Amino acid sequence: MHSNVRGGPDHWRVAATWTDLIDQVQSCLERTGRHQFVLVEYDGALLGGPDPYAQAALIDVSWHCEVVSARYLMPGRWPLNELWLKSSGWSLSALAGANWFRSASTAANAAIMLVDGLRLGRQCPEPTRFCVSAHSFSGGPGPDDGESAFEASPLPSWESVAA
């Protein structure tokens, strides 16, 4: 289950372009350690929340990526392009409440998947309205059996993960 955690203003990074945003997400992914995950949120304050999000964690040798499903963010509250998600390789687990998921072999591929999943799958149109942050798993090593296990415990700043 998603926990809407924002660690404060130090988590917000303004990306002028989609390429800048992908680079920021990739950098955060590369600095994230085991038992941590990266959360990418879109600031939909103009629409009155909840906000679209995507998340990723390194599980074994690949990145487990998720984009919020209709269960956690209804299409009536925020657009959902299921056709684009399916045609781009995203899957929706048969488990009730699971998010859209996909695996990536590199942090670079995972960053592209997360950003495009929100930009095109959840129709988040502005690269300047994204937040990228790192968090620790609160109840174990990470996702298992296609069910989302992302529970946020905020870190001071995603840049501190590199230390």
N, C-alpha and C. Protein backbone atom coordinates (compact mmCIF):
# COMPACT_ATOMS: atom_id res chain seq x y z
N MET A 1 0.85 -1.17 0.00
CA MET A 1 0.00 0.00 0.00
C MET A 1 0.89 1.23 0.00
N HIS A 2 0.47 2.24 -0.71
CA HIS A 2 1.21 3.48 -0.81
C HIS A 2 0.98 4.34 0.42
N SER A 3 2.04 4.89 0.91
CA SER A 3 1.94 5.84 2.00
C SER A 3 2.40 7.18 1.47
N ASN A 4 1.54 8.15 1.44
CA ASN A 4 1.85 9.43 0.84
C ASN A 4 2.75 10.23 1.77
N VAL A 5 4.06 10.03 1.64
CA VAL A 5 5.03 10.67 2.49
C VAL A 5 5.83 11.65 1.66
N ARG A 6 5.93 12.85 2.14
CA ARG A 6 6.81 13.83 1.53
C ARG A 6 7.74 14.29 2.62
N GLY A 7 9.01 14.18 2.38
CA GLY A 7 10.00 14.49 3.40
C GLY A 7 10.31 15.96 3.57
N GLY A 8 9.58 16.82 2.95
CA GLY A 8 9.82 18.24 3.09
C GLY A 8 10.35 18.84 1.82
N PRO A 9 10.65 20.13 1.85
CA PRO A 9 11.03 20.83 0.64
C PRO A 9 12.32 20.32 0.02
N ASP A 10 13.19 19.68 0.79
CA ASP A 10 14.44 19.19 0.21
C ASP A 10 14.21 18.02 -0.75
N HIS A 11 13.02 17.45 -0.79
CA HIS A 11 12.72 16.37 -1.71
C HIS A 11 12.32 16.88 -3.09
N TRP A 12 11.91 18.12 -3.18
CA TRP A 12 11.42 18.63 -4.46
C TRP A 12 12.58 19.09 -5.31
N ARG A 13 12.65 18.57 -6.51
CA ARG A 13 13.67 18.94 -7.49
C ARG A 13 12.94 19.40 -8.74
N VAL A 14 13.25 20.58 -9.21
CA VAL A 14 12.59 21.08 -10.42
C VAL A 14 13.37 20.59 -11.63
N ALA A 15 12.68 19.86 -12.47
CA ALA A 15 13.25 19.38 -13.72
C ALA A 15 12.62 20.17 -14.85
N ALA A 16 13.45 20.83 -15.64
CA ALA A 16 12.93 21.67 -16.71
C ALA A 16 12.41 20.85 -17.88
N THR A 17 12.98 19.67 -18.09
CA THR A 17 12.60 18.84 -19.23
C THR A 17 12.39 17.40 -18.78
N TRP A 18 11.79 16.60 -19.65
CA TRP A 18 11.61 15.18 -19.36
C TRP A 18 12.96 14.49 -19.20
N THR A 19 13.94 14.89 -20.01
CA THR A 19 15.28 14.30 -19.92
C THR A 19 15.90 14.60 -18.56
N ASP A 20 15.75 15.83 -18.08
CA ASP A 20 16.26 16.19 -16.74
C ASP A 20 15.60 15.34 -15.66
N LEU A 21 14.30 15.16 -15.77
CA LEU A 21 13.58 14.37 -14.78
C LEU A 21 14.05 12.92 -14.80
N ILE A 22 14.18 12.34 -15.97
CA ILE A 22 14.67 10.95 -16.07
C ILE A 22 16.06 10.85 -15.47
N ASP A 23 16.92 11.82 -15.73
CA ASP A 23 18.27 11.82 -15.15
C ASP A 23 18.21 11.88 -13.63
N GLN A 24 17.30 12.70 -13.08
CA GLN A 24 17.18 12.80 -11.62
C GLN A 24 16.68 11.49 -11.01
N VAL A 25 15.72 10.87 -11.66
CA VAL A 25 15.20 9.59 -11.15
C VAL A 25 16.29 8.53 -11.23
N GLN A 26 17.01 8.47 -12.34
CA GLN A 26 18.10 7.50 -12.48
C GLN A 26 19.16 7.71 -11.41
N SER A 27 19.53 8.94 -11.17
CA SER A 27 20.53 9.24 -10.14
C SER A 27 20.06 8.77 -8.77
N CYS A 28 18.81 9.01 -8.46
CA CYS A 28 18.25 8.56 -7.18
C CYS A 28 18.24 7.03 -7.09
N LEU A 29 17.85 6.37 -8.17
CA LEU A 29 17.85 4.90 -8.20
C LEU A 29 19.25 4.35 -7.97
N GLU A 30 20.23 4.95 -8.61
CA GLU A 30 21.61 4.47 -8.49
C GLU A 30 22.17 4.67 -7.09
N ARG A 31 21.64 5.62 -6.34
CA ARG A 31 22.11 5.90 -4.98
C ARG A 31 21.32 5.14 -3.92
N THR A 32 20.27 4.48 -4.33
CA THR A 32 19.41 3.78 -3.38
C THR A 32 20.00 2.42 -3.05
N GLY A 33 20.05 2.09 -1.78
CA GLY A 33 20.61 0.82 -1.34
C GLY A 33 19.55 -0.26 -1.19
N ARG A 34 20.01 -1.42 -0.78
CA ARG A 34 19.09 -2.53 -0.51
C ARG A 34 18.11 -2.11 0.60
N HIS A 35 16.94 -2.65 0.57
CA HIS A 35 15.87 -2.37 1.54
C HIS A 35 15.40 -0.92 1.47
N GLN A 36 15.62 -0.28 0.33
CA GLN A 36 15.12 1.07 0.10
C GLN A 36 14.39 1.09 -1.24
N PHE A 37 13.60 2.13 -1.46
CA PHE A 37 12.94 2.29 -2.74
C PHE A 37 12.85 3.76 -3.11
N VAL A 38 12.64 4.01 -4.39
CA VAL A 38 12.50 5.37 -4.90
C VAL A 38 11.03 5.62 -5.18
N LEU A 39 10.57 6.77 -4.76
CA LEU A 39 9.19 7.19 -4.96
C LEU A 39 9.19 8.42 -5.86
N VAL A 40 8.41 8.35 -6.94
CA VAL A 40 8.26 9.47 -7.86
C VAL A 40 6.80 9.88 -7.80
N GLU A 41 6.56 11.12 -7.36
CA GLU A 41 5.19 11.61 -7.21
C GLU A 41 4.96 12.81 -8.11
N TYR A 42 3.73 12.93 -8.57
CA TYR A 42 3.33 14.08 -9.36
C TYR A 42 2.49 14.98 -8.48
N ASP A 43 2.83 16.26 -8.44
CA ASP A 43 2.10 17.21 -7.62
C ASP A 43 0.85 17.66 -8.37
N GLY A 44 -0.26 17.06 -8.03
CA GLY A 44 -1.52 17.39 -8.66
C GLY A 44 -2.35 18.32 -7.80
N ALA A 45 -1.70 19.20 -7.07
CA ALA A 45 -2.39 20.09 -6.12
C ALA A 45 -3.53 20.87 -6.77
N LEU A 46 -3.37 21.17 -8.03
CA LEU A 46 -4.43 21.92 -8.71
C LEU A 46 -5.73 21.13 -8.79
N LEU A 47 -5.60 19.78 -8.77
CA LEU A 47 -6.79 18.94 -8.85
C LEU A 47 -7.24 18.45 -7.48
N GLY A 48 -6.52 18.78 -6.43
CA GLY A 48 -6.95 18.45 -5.09
C GLY A 48 -6.63 17.05 -4.61
N GLY A 49 -5.59 16.37 -5.14
CA GLY A 49 -5.09 15.09 -4.69
C GLY A 49 -6.16 14.02 -4.60
N PRO A 50 -5.88 12.77 -4.35
CA PRO A 50 -4.53 12.25 -4.19
C PRO A 50 -3.73 12.33 -5.49
N ASP A 51 -2.43 12.21 -5.36
CA ASP A 51 -1.54 12.42 -6.48
C ASP A 51 -1.07 11.10 -7.09
N PRO A 52 -0.82 11.10 -8.39
CA PRO A 52 -0.24 9.92 -9.04
C PRO A 52 1.19 9.67 -8.54
N TYR A 53 1.57 8.41 -8.47
CA TYR A 53 2.93 8.06 -8.04
C TYR A 53 3.39 6.80 -8.76
N ALA A 54 4.71 6.65 -8.77
CA ALA A 54 5.36 5.44 -9.25
C ALA A 54 6.48 5.15 -8.26
N GLN A 55 6.92 3.92 -8.22
CA GLN A 55 7.96 3.54 -7.25
C GLN A 55 8.76 2.38 -7.80
N ALA A 56 10.01 2.25 -7.31
CA ALA A 56 10.88 1.17 -7.77
C ALA A 56 11.85 0.78 -6.67
N ALA A 57 12.19 -0.51 -6.66
CA ALA A 57 13.18 -1.05 -5.73
C ALA A 57 14.00 -2.11 -6.45
N LEU A 58 15.26 -2.22 -6.07
CA LEU A 58 16.13 -3.25 -6.62
C LEU A 58 15.86 -4.55 -5.87
N ILE A 59 15.36 -5.54 -6.60
CA ILE A 59 15.06 -6.85 -6.02
C ILE A 59 15.94 -7.85 -6.76
N ASP A 60 16.84 -8.47 -6.03
CA ASP A 60 17.86 -9.35 -6.61
C ASP A 60 18.68 -8.55 -7.61
N VAL A 61 18.54 -8.83 -8.91
CA VAL A 61 19.36 -8.15 -9.91
C VAL A 61 18.55 -7.25 -10.84
N SER A 62 17.26 -7.09 -10.58
CA SER A 62 16.45 -6.23 -11.46
C SER A 62 15.61 -5.26 -10.63
N TRP A 63 15.17 -4.21 -11.32
CA TRP A 63 14.34 -3.20 -10.68
C TRP A 63 12.88 -3.57 -10.80
N HIS A 64 12.19 -3.61 -9.68
CA HIS A 64 10.74 -3.84 -9.65
C HIS A 64 10.10 -2.46 -9.67
N CYS A 65 9.38 -2.15 -10.74
CA CYS A 65 8.77 -0.83 -10.92
C CYS A 65 7.25 -0.94 -10.82
N GLU A 66 6.63 0.06 -10.24
CA GLU A 66 5.17 0.11 -10.12
C GLU A 66 4.66 1.50 -10.46
N VAL A 67 3.46 1.54 -11.06
CA VAL A 67 2.70 2.76 -11.28
C VAL A 67 1.35 2.56 -10.61
N VAL A 68 0.85 3.58 -9.95
CA VAL A 68 -0.39 3.47 -9.19
C VAL A 68 -1.54 2.96 -10.07
N SER A 69 -2.28 2.02 -9.51
CA SER A 69 -3.42 1.42 -10.21
C SER A 69 -4.70 2.19 -9.90
N ALA A 70 -5.77 1.77 -10.55
CA ALA A 70 -7.08 2.40 -10.34
C ALA A 70 -7.59 2.18 -8.91
N ARG A 71 -7.11 1.17 -8.23
CA ARG A 71 -7.57 0.92 -6.86
C ARG A 71 -7.16 2.05 -5.92
N TYR A 72 -5.94 2.55 -6.11
CA TYR A 72 -5.43 3.59 -5.22
C TYR A 72 -5.67 5.00 -5.76
N LEU A 73 -5.91 5.11 -7.06
CA LEU A 73 -6.17 6.41 -7.67
C LEU A 73 -7.16 6.19 -8.80
N MET A 74 -8.42 6.39 -8.48
CA MET A 74 -9.51 6.10 -9.41
C MET A 74 -9.40 6.95 -10.69
N PRO A 75 -9.72 6.35 -11.84
CA PRO A 75 -9.66 7.10 -13.10
C PRO A 75 -10.54 8.35 -13.10
N GLY A 76 -11.58 8.36 -12.31
CA GLY A 76 -12.41 9.55 -12.20
C GLY A 76 -11.71 10.70 -11.50
N ARG A 77 -10.72 10.38 -10.66
CA ARG A 77 -9.94 11.40 -9.95
C ARG A 77 -8.73 11.83 -10.78
N TRP A 78 -8.17 10.88 -11.54
CA TRP A 78 -6.99 11.18 -12.35
C TRP A 78 -7.00 10.25 -13.56
N PRO A 79 -6.71 10.76 -14.76
CA PRO A 79 -6.77 9.92 -15.96
C PRO A 79 -5.88 8.68 -15.88
N LEU A 80 -6.32 7.60 -16.48
CA LEU A 80 -5.57 6.35 -16.54
C LEU A 80 -5.65 5.82 -17.96
N ASN A 81 -4.49 5.64 -18.59
CA ASN A 81 -4.43 5.13 -19.95
C ASN A 81 -3.98 3.66 -19.90
N GLU A 82 -4.91 2.77 -19.60
CA GLU A 82 -4.59 1.34 -19.48
C GLU A 82 -4.06 0.77 -20.79
N LEU A 83 -4.58 1.23 -21.92
CA LEU A 83 -4.13 0.74 -23.22
C LEU A 83 -2.65 1.04 -23.42
N TRP A 84 -2.23 2.26 -23.08
CA TRP A 84 -0.81 2.59 -23.21
C TRP A 84 0.03 1.73 -22.26
N LEU A 85 -0.40 1.59 -21.02
CA LEU A 85 0.36 0.79 -20.05
C LEU A 85 0.53 -0.65 -20.55
N LYS A 86 -0.57 -1.28 -20.99
CA LYS A 86 -0.50 -2.66 -21.49
C LYS A 86 0.40 -2.77 -22.71
N SER A 87 0.25 -1.86 -23.66
CA SER A 87 1.04 -1.94 -24.89
C SER A 87 2.52 -1.62 -24.65
N SER A 88 2.83 -1.01 -23.52
CA SER A 88 4.22 -0.69 -23.18
C SER A 88 4.86 -1.71 -22.26
N GLY A 89 4.17 -2.81 -22.00
CA GLY A 89 4.77 -3.89 -21.22
C GLY A 89 4.42 -3.91 -19.74
N TRP A 90 3.59 -3.00 -19.29
CA TRP A 90 3.16 -3.00 -17.89
C TRP A 90 2.08 -4.07 -17.72
N SER A 91 2.05 -4.68 -16.53
CA SER A 91 1.04 -5.70 -16.21
C SER A 91 0.30 -5.29 -14.95
N LEU A 92 -0.91 -5.77 -14.85
CA LEU A 92 -1.71 -5.55 -13.66
C LEU A 92 -1.94 -6.91 -13.02
N SER A 93 -1.48 -7.07 -11.80
CA SER A 93 -1.60 -8.34 -11.11
C SER A 93 -3.05 -8.72 -10.89
N ALA A 94 -3.30 -10.02 -10.85
CA ALA A 94 -4.65 -10.52 -10.56
C ALA A 94 -5.01 -10.30 -9.10
N LEU A 95 -4.02 -10.02 -8.27
CA LEU A 95 -4.27 -9.77 -6.85
C LEU A 95 -5.03 -8.46 -6.70
N ALA A 96 -6.04 -8.46 -5.92
CA ALA A 96 -6.83 -7.25 -5.70
C ALA A 96 -5.96 -6.15 -5.11
N GLY A 97 -6.01 -5.01 -5.72
CA GLY A 97 -5.32 -3.85 -5.17
C GLY A 97 -3.88 -3.68 -5.58
N ALA A 98 -3.34 -4.58 -6.37
CA ALA A 98 -1.95 -4.43 -6.77
C ALA A 98 -1.83 -3.32 -7.82
N ASN A 99 -0.66 -2.72 -7.87
CA ASN A 99 -0.38 -1.68 -8.84
C ASN A 99 0.06 -2.28 -10.17
N TRP A 100 0.13 -1.44 -11.20
CA TRP A 100 0.75 -1.84 -12.46
C TRP A 100 2.22 -2.10 -12.17
N PHE A 101 2.79 -3.14 -12.76
CA PHE A 101 4.19 -3.44 -12.47
C PHE A 101 4.94 -3.86 -13.72
N ARG A 102 6.26 -3.71 -13.64
CA ARG A 102 7.14 -4.05 -14.74
C ARG A 102 8.56 -4.14 -14.18
N SER A 103 9.40 -4.98 -14.77
CA SER A 103 10.79 -5.11 -14.35
C SER A 103 11.72 -4.41 -15.33
N ALA A 104 12.82 -3.92 -14.79
CA ALA A 104 13.85 -3.27 -15.61
C ALA A 104 15.21 -3.83 -15.20
N SER A 105 16.09 -3.98 -16.16
CA SER A 105 17.41 -4.55 -15.86
C SER A 105 18.42 -3.51 -15.39
N THR A 106 18.18 -2.24 -15.67
CA THR A 106 19.11 -1.18 -15.26
C THR A 106 18.35 -0.02 -14.63
N ALA A 107 19.08 0.78 -13.87
CA ALA A 107 18.48 1.98 -13.29
C ALA A 107 18.04 2.95 -14.39
N ALA A 108 18.79 3.02 -15.48
CA ALA A 108 18.43 3.91 -16.59
C ALA A 108 17.09 3.50 -17.19
N ASN A 109 16.90 2.20 -17.42
CA ASN A 109 15.63 1.72 -17.96
C ASN A 109 14.50 1.92 -16.97
N ALA A 110 14.76 1.67 -15.69
CA ALA A 110 13.74 1.86 -14.67
C ALA A 110 13.30 3.32 -14.60
N ALA A 111 14.25 4.24 -14.70
CA ALA A 111 13.92 5.67 -14.64
C ALA A 111 13.00 6.05 -15.80
N ILE A 112 13.30 5.58 -16.99
CA ILE A 112 12.46 5.86 -18.15
C ILE A 112 11.07 5.27 -17.95
N MET A 113 11.00 4.04 -17.45
CA MET A 113 9.71 3.38 -17.22
C MET A 113 8.86 4.15 -16.21
N LEU A 114 9.47 4.58 -15.11
CA LEU A 114 8.73 5.29 -14.07
C LEU A 114 8.18 6.62 -14.59
N VAL A 115 9.04 7.38 -15.25
CA VAL A 115 8.62 8.69 -15.76
C VAL A 115 7.57 8.53 -16.85
N ASP A 116 7.82 7.64 -17.81
CA ASP A 116 6.83 7.44 -18.87
C ASP A 116 5.54 6.83 -18.35
N GLY A 117 5.65 5.97 -17.33
CA GLY A 117 4.45 5.39 -16.73
C GLY A 117 3.53 6.47 -16.17
N LEU A 118 4.12 7.49 -15.57
CA LEU A 118 3.31 8.60 -15.05
C LEU A 118 2.94 9.59 -16.15
N ARG A 119 3.89 9.91 -17.00
CA ARG A 119 3.64 10.91 -18.05
C ARG A 119 2.58 10.43 -19.04
N LEU A 120 2.69 9.16 -19.48
CA LEU A 120 1.79 8.65 -20.51
C LEU A 120 0.70 7.73 -19.96
N GLY A 121 1.02 6.95 -18.93
CA GLY A 121 0.04 6.03 -18.35
C GLY A 121 -0.94 6.71 -17.42
N ARG A 122 -0.45 7.71 -16.67
CA ARG A 122 -1.32 8.46 -15.75
C ARG A 122 -1.52 9.90 -16.20
N GLN A 123 -1.00 10.25 -17.36
CA GLN A 123 -1.20 11.55 -17.99
C GLN A 123 -0.82 12.72 -17.09
N CYS A 124 0.43 12.69 -16.64
CA CYS A 124 1.00 13.77 -15.84
C CYS A 124 1.84 14.63 -16.78
N PRO A 125 1.35 15.80 -17.18
CA PRO A 125 1.91 16.51 -18.32
C PRO A 125 3.12 17.43 -18.08
N GLU A 126 3.46 17.75 -16.84
CA GLU A 126 4.50 18.75 -16.60
C GLU A 126 5.71 18.17 -15.85
N PRO A 127 6.90 18.18 -16.46
CA PRO A 127 8.08 17.64 -15.75
C PRO A 127 8.46 18.45 -14.52
N THR A 128 8.02 19.69 -14.42
CA THR A 128 8.36 20.54 -13.27
C THR A 128 7.52 20.23 -12.03
N ARG A 129 6.54 19.35 -12.14
CA ARG A 129 5.64 19.07 -11.01
C ARG A 129 5.90 17.73 -10.34
N PHE A 130 7.10 17.17 -10.53
CA PHE A 130 7.43 15.87 -9.96
C PHE A 130 8.31 16.01 -8.73
N CYS A 131 8.16 15.06 -7.82
CA CYS A 131 8.99 14.93 -6.63
C CYS A 131 9.66 13.56 -6.70
N VAL A 132 10.95 13.51 -6.45
CA VAL A 132 11.70 12.25 -6.44
C VAL A 132 12.32 12.11 -5.06
N SER A 133 12.09 10.97 -4.39
CA SER A 133 12.63 10.77 -3.05
C SER A 133 12.93 9.30 -2.82
N ALA A 134 13.80 9.04 -1.84
CA ALA A 134 14.15 7.67 -1.46
C ALA A 134 13.59 7.39 -0.08
N HIS A 135 13.19 6.13 0.13
CA HIS A 135 12.58 5.72 1.39
C HIS A 135 13.08 4.32 1.76
N SER A 136 12.94 3.95 3.02
CA SER A 136 13.28 2.62 3.48
C SER A 136 12.02 1.79 3.65
N PHE A 137 12.12 0.50 3.39
CA PHE A 137 10.99 -0.39 3.63
C PHE A 137 10.78 -0.51 5.12
N SER A 138 9.52 -0.43 5.55
CA SER A 138 9.24 -0.50 6.98
C SER A 138 9.00 -1.92 7.47
N GLY A 139 8.71 -2.85 6.58
CA GLY A 139 8.37 -4.18 7.04
C GLY A 139 9.04 -5.31 6.29
N GLY A 140 10.28 -5.17 5.89
CA GLY A 140 10.95 -6.25 5.19
C GLY A 140 11.68 -5.78 3.96
N PRO A 141 12.19 -6.71 3.22
CA PRO A 141 13.07 -6.38 2.11
C PRO A 141 12.41 -5.79 0.89
N GLY A 142 11.12 -5.97 0.66
CA GLY A 142 10.51 -5.37 -0.52
C GLY A 142 9.36 -6.17 -1.07
N PRO A 143 8.94 -5.83 -2.30
CA PRO A 143 7.77 -6.45 -2.90
C PRO A 143 7.94 -7.95 -3.10
N ASP A 144 6.84 -8.66 -3.02
CA ASP A 144 6.86 -10.11 -3.17
C ASP A 144 5.54 -10.56 -3.79
N ASP A 145 5.59 -11.56 -4.65
CA ASP A 145 4.39 -12.19 -5.22
C ASP A 145 3.47 -11.22 -5.94
N GLY A 146 4.04 -10.18 -6.57
CA GLY A 146 3.22 -9.27 -7.37
C GLY A 146 2.37 -8.31 -6.57
N GLU A 147 2.47 -8.35 -5.26
CA GLU A 147 1.67 -7.46 -4.41
C GLU A 147 2.57 -6.33 -3.93
N SER A 148 2.09 -5.13 -3.95
CA SER A 148 2.90 -3.99 -3.54
C SER A 148 3.18 -4.07 -2.04
N ALA A 149 4.45 -3.93 -1.70
CA ALA A 149 4.85 -3.94 -0.30
C ALA A 149 5.57 -2.64 0.05
N PHE A 150 5.36 -1.61 -0.74
CA PHE A 150 6.03 -0.35 -0.51
C PHE A 150 5.33 0.39 0.62
N GLU A 151 6.01 0.52 1.73
CA GLU A 151 5.54 1.32 2.86
C GLU A 151 6.65 2.31 3.15
N ALA A 152 6.36 3.57 3.11
CA ALA A 152 7.40 4.58 3.18
C ALA A 152 7.83 4.90 4.60
N SER A 153 9.15 4.97 4.77
CA SER A 153 9.81 5.53 5.92
C SER A 153 10.77 6.56 5.36
N PRO A 154 10.49 7.85 5.49
CA PRO A 154 11.27 8.83 4.76
C PRO A 154 12.72 8.89 5.20
N LEU A 155 13.60 9.12 4.22
CA LEU A 155 15.00 9.42 4.47
C LEU A 155 15.12 10.94 4.45
N PRO A 156 16.18 11.50 5.03
CA PRO A 156 16.29 12.95 5.09
C PRO A 156 16.27 13.61 3.71
N SER A 157 16.92 13.00 2.74
CA SER A 157 16.96 13.54 1.39
C SER A 157 17.49 12.46 0.48
N TRP A 158 17.02 12.39 -0.74
CA TRP A 158 17.52 11.33 -1.62
C TRP A 158 18.98 11.52 -1.91
N GLU A 159 19.50 12.75 -1.82
CA GLU A 159 20.93 12.95 -2.05
C GLU A 159 21.76 12.32 -0.94
N SER A 160 21.19 12.17 0.26
CA SER A 160 21.94 11.58 1.37
C SER A 160 22.15 10.09 1.19
N VAL A 161 21.39 9.47 0.28
CA VAL A 161 21.55 8.04 0.05
C VAL A 161 22.93 7.73 -0.49
N ALA A 162 23.54 8.68 -1.21
CA ALA A 162 24.85 8.45 -1.81
C ALA A 162 25.95 8.44 -0.76
N ALA A 163 25.71 9.03 0.39
CA ALA A 163 26.74 9.12 1.44
C ALA A 163 27.06 7.79 2.06
